[in-house]
Protein backbone atom coordinates (compact mmCIF):
# COMPACT_ATOMS: atom_id res chain seq x y z
CA MET A 1 -0.17 0.08 -0.07
CA ASP A 2 1.48 3.45 -0.91
CA ASN A 3 -1.09 5.60 0.75
CA VAL A 4 -1.49 4.65 4.50
CA LYS A 5 -3.23 6.79 7.09
CA ILE A 6 -4.57 6.33 10.26
CA ILE A 7 -8.14 7.54 10.47
CA GLU A 8 -10.94 7.51 13.17
CA ASN A 9 -12.88 4.06 13.41
CA THR A 10 -16.04 5.64 11.98
CA GLU A 11 -18.14 5.39 8.86
CA GLN A 12 -17.82 9.20 8.18
CA ALA A 13 -13.92 8.99 8.36
CA LYS A 14 -14.17 6.03 6.12
CA LYS A 15 -16.21 7.71 3.42
CA GLU A 16 -13.89 10.83 3.64
CA TYR A 17 -10.88 8.66 3.03
CA GLY A 18 -13.02 7.24 0.08
CA TYR A 19 -13.30 3.77 -1.59
CA MET A 20 -11.61 4.02 -4.93
CA TRP A 21 -12.21 0.79 -6.88
CA GLY A 22 -13.27 -1.22 -3.65
CA ALA A 23 -12.73 -1.75 -0.12
CA ASP A 24 -11.93 -4.28 2.30
CA THR A 25 -12.03 -4.17 6.23
CA PHE A 26 -9.53 -6.15 8.19
CA TYR A 27 -10.54 -7.14 11.71
CA LEU A 28 -7.17 -7.77 13.78
CA THR A 29 -7.76 -9.58 17.25
CA ARG A 30 -5.51 -8.95 20.20
CA GLU A 31 -3.95 -12.19 19.49
CA MET A 32 -3.09 -11.15 15.95
CA ILE A 33 -1.68 -8.04 17.02
CA GLU A 34 0.55 -9.88 19.55
CA ALA A 35 1.83 -12.35 16.96
CA LEU A 36 2.64 -9.44 14.67
CA LEU A 37 4.60 -7.60 17.50
CA ASN A 38 6.20 -11.23 17.95
CA GLY A 39 7.45 -11.28 14.32
CA LYS A 40 4.71 -13.28 12.79
CA CYS A 41 2.89 -12.62 9.48
CA ILE A 42 -0.93 -12.41 9.28
CA ALA A 43 -2.05 -14.23 5.99
CA GLY A 44 -5.70 -14.46 4.70
CA ASP A 45 -7.73 -14.39 1.56
CA ASN A 46 -11.15 -13.78 0.13
CA GLY A 47 -11.11 -16.68 -2.29
CA GLU A 48 -9.53 -14.54 -5.14
CA TYR A 49 -6.72 -12.47 -3.57
CA VAL A 50 -4.42 -13.14 -0.83
CA THR A 51 -3.34 -10.43 1.77
CA PHE A 52 -0.49 -10.72 4.01
CA ILE A 53 -0.11 -8.19 6.93
CA GLU A 54 3.37 -7.68 8.71
CA MET A 55 4.95 -5.27 11.07
CA GLU A 56 7.49 -2.84 9.09
């Protein structure tokens, strides 16, 4: 992702940021965040595309 921002967790903020060609929402659990902090990678798919989430 080239343009990453931290926004408020509201529908209004999401609408203001925009949706471009589509949008996905990723819900991370505390367990997932702890795994990221411990060097793990989160992997998931929607049946067509795969997404990897990792700490920079």
